[in-house]
Amino acid sequence: MTFDIKKFESSKLKHRQSEVKVPALKDFFDDGDPVWTVRGLSGEEVAHVNEAIKLNANIAGLIEGIVSDSAKEKIDAIKESLGITTEVPHETVRRISLLVQGSVDPECSQSLAVKLAQNFSVQFYELTTKILELTGMGSELGE
């Protein structure tokens, strides 16, 4: 069987999406149906996720180099709230980036992903594992 390059190049493709039930987060959903929609990532987005670890370490070092010791406590609090620290495991940094890139509804900021990781770790891992799964499946034909 031969790969049909013309068909592939002319196809309209879209990222796969999935709804993930997150009953532990029901108190934070208005409609009572706790569902978080995620999608698979593009190659470029995967590269951004892979760069997140390096970026995290670089930003942490840069901020520390800029501030004086008197502002260190404030800066540490800001960095912690954004998940920017060299103390966070690389896997967590990667998954925070996955959730930010792959969340459809609700959209997810870095600070939201950090808070979710810190307080609802099972749901955090379920969501990011689903994003990885969808990414691995590739895009699907669109309409």
Protein backbone atom coordinates (compact mmCIF):
# COMPACT_ATOMS: atom_id res chain seq x y z
CA MET A 1 0.00 0.00 0.00
CA THR A 2 1.43 3.35 -1.02
CA PHE A 3 1.18 6.56 0.95
CA ASP A 4 -0.98 9.05 -0.98
CA ILE A 5 1.03 12.25 -0.58
CA LYS A 6 -1.43 14.40 -2.56
CA LYS A 7 -4.35 13.24 -0.45
CA PHE A 8 -2.39 13.89 2.73
CA GLU A 9 -1.27 17.35 1.65
CA SER A 10 -4.79 18.38 0.58
CA SER A 11 -6.51 17.03 3.69
CA LYS A 12 -7.90 19.32 6.33
CA LEU A 13 -6.63 17.99 9.63
CA LYS A 14 -7.55 18.97 13.18
CA HIS A 15 -6.15 18.14 16.59
CA ARG A 16 -7.94 15.32 18.36
CA GLN A 17 -9.96 16.42 21.37
CA SER A 18 -11.34 14.59 24.35
CA GLU A 19 -13.47 15.44 27.34
CA VAL A 20 -12.04 14.29 30.66
CA LYS A 21 -14.40 13.97 33.62
CA VAL A 22 -12.92 15.59 36.73
CA PRO A 23 -15.51 14.99 39.49
CA ALA A 24 -13.06 16.08 42.20
CA LEU A 25 -13.21 19.58 40.69
CA LYS A 26 -17.04 19.78 40.62
CA ASP A 27 -17.12 22.67 43.08
CA PHE A 28 -15.31 24.83 40.53
CA PHE A 29 -17.69 24.22 37.60
CA ASP A 30 -20.84 26.35 37.28
CA ASP A 31 -23.02 23.82 35.48
CA GLY A 32 -22.38 20.82 37.69
CA ASP A 33 -20.84 18.75 34.87
CA PRO A 34 -17.14 18.70 35.72
CA VAL A 35 -15.57 18.12 32.31
CA TRP A 36 -12.21 19.47 31.13
CA THR A 37 -11.64 19.41 27.35
CA VAL A 38 -8.09 18.78 26.15
CA ARG A 39 -6.50 18.28 22.75
CA GLY A 40 -3.44 16.76 21.16
CA LEU A 41 -0.51 19.04 20.42
CA SER A 42 1.26 20.01 17.21
CA GLY A 43 4.94 19.30 16.65
CA GLU A 44 5.79 22.91 17.45
CA GLU A 45 3.81 22.80 20.69
CA VAL A 46 5.56 19.57 21.72
CA ALA A 47 8.88 21.36 21.15
CA HIS A 48 7.72 24.22 23.40
CA VAL A 49 6.79 21.69 26.08
CA ASN A 50 10.21 20.08 25.81
CA GLU A 51 11.86 23.50 26.13
CA ALA A 52 9.85 24.35 29.27
CA ILE A 53 12.37 22.69 31.60
CA LYS A 54 15.28 24.68 30.22
CA LEU A 55 13.24 27.89 30.17
CA ASN A 56 12.13 27.35 33.78
CA ALA A 57 15.74 27.05 34.98
CA ASN A 58 16.90 30.03 32.89
CA ILE A 59 14.12 32.34 34.13
CA ALA A 60 14.69 31.33 37.75
CA GLY A 61 18.39 32.14 37.44
CA LEU A 62 17.74 35.40 35.62
CA ILE A 63 15.27 36.65 38.23
CA GLU A 64 17.65 35.77 41.06
CA GLY A 65 20.46 37.63 39.34
CA ILE A 66 18.39 40.78 38.88
CA VAL A 67 16.91 41.22 42.35
CA SER A 68 18.57 42.26 45.54
CA ASP A 69 18.50 40.15 48.69
CA SER A 70 15.91 42.47 50.26
CA ALA A 71 13.35 41.58 47.59
CA LYS A 72 14.19 37.86 47.58
CA GLU A 73 11.15 36.76 49.60
CA LYS A 74 8.74 38.58 47.27
CA ILE A 75 10.48 37.21 44.20
CA ASP A 76 10.43 33.68 45.63
CA ALA A 77 6.68 33.97 46.22
CA ILE A 78 6.11 35.20 42.66
CA LYS A 79 8.27 32.43 41.19
CA GLU A 80 6.48 29.80 43.26
CA SER A 81 3.05 31.01 42.16
CA LEU A 82 4.15 30.72 38.52
CA GLY A 83 5.87 27.39 39.02
CA ILE A 84 9.23 28.91 38.14
CA THR A 85 11.86 27.29 40.31
CA THR A 86 14.72 24.89 40.02
CA GLU A 87 13.20 22.82 42.84
CA VAL A 88 10.15 21.63 40.85
CA PRO A 89 10.81 18.22 39.26
CA HIS A 90 11.36 18.36 35.50
CA GLU A 91 8.40 16.06 34.89
CA THR A 92 6.08 18.47 36.70
CA VAL A 93 7.40 21.43 34.70
CA ARG A 94 6.83 19.46 31.49
CA ARG A 95 3.29 18.49 32.47
CA ILE A 96 2.43 22.06 33.50
CA SER A 97 3.43 23.14 30.00
CA LEU A 98 1.42 20.27 28.49
CA LEU A 99 -1.70 21.38 30.34
CA VAL A 100 -1.26 25.02 29.35
CA GLN A 101 -0.76 24.09 25.68
CA GLY A 102 -3.39 21.35 25.49
CA SER A 103 -6.33 22.73 27.48
CA VAL A 104 -9.30 23.76 25.37
CA ASP A 105 -12.04 24.35 27.93
CA PRO A 106 -11.25 25.77 30.33
CA GLU A 107 -8.23 27.54 28.91
CA CYS A 108 -5.38 27.06 31.34
CA SER A 109 -2.78 29.60 32.41
CA GLN A 110 0.51 28.57 33.94
CA SER A 111 -0.60 29.70 37.39
CA LEU A 112 -3.81 27.63 37.09
CA ALA A 113 -1.79 24.57 36.02
CA VAL A 114 0.59 25.04 38.95
CA LYS A 115 -2.29 25.31 41.45
CA LEU A 116 -3.96 22.25 39.94
CA ALA A 117 -0.71 20.27 40.16
CA GLN A 118 -0.23 21.27 43.79
CA ASN A 119 -3.81 20.61 44.94
CA PHE A 120 -5.36 18.04 42.58
CA SER A 121 -2.40 15.96 41.49
CA VAL A 122 -4.38 12.93 40.29
CA GLN A 123 -6.58 15.07 38.04
CA PHE A 124 -3.51 16.99 36.86
CA TYR A 125 -1.86 13.73 35.80
CA GLU A 126 -5.06 12.39 34.20
CA LEU A 127 -5.42 15.52 32.07
CA THR A 128 -1.80 15.65 30.98
CA THR A 129 -1.70 11.91 30.26
CA LYS A 130 -4.77 12.33 28.01
CA ILE A 131 -3.03 15.20 26.17
CA LEU A 132 -0.01 12.94 25.59
CA GLU A 133 -2.26 10.13 24.39
CA LEU A 134 -4.10 12.40 21.93
CA THR A 135 -0.82 13.83 20.69
CA GLY A 136 0.50 10.35 20.06
CA MET A 137 -2.59 9.49 18.00
CA GLY A 138 -1.91 12.41 15.64
CA SER A 139 -4.49 14.66 14.02
CA GLU A 140 -7.75 13.48 12.55
CA LEU A 141 -9.53 14.41 9.35
CA GLY A 142 -11.54 17.60 9.67
CA GLU A 143 -14.65 18.58 7.79
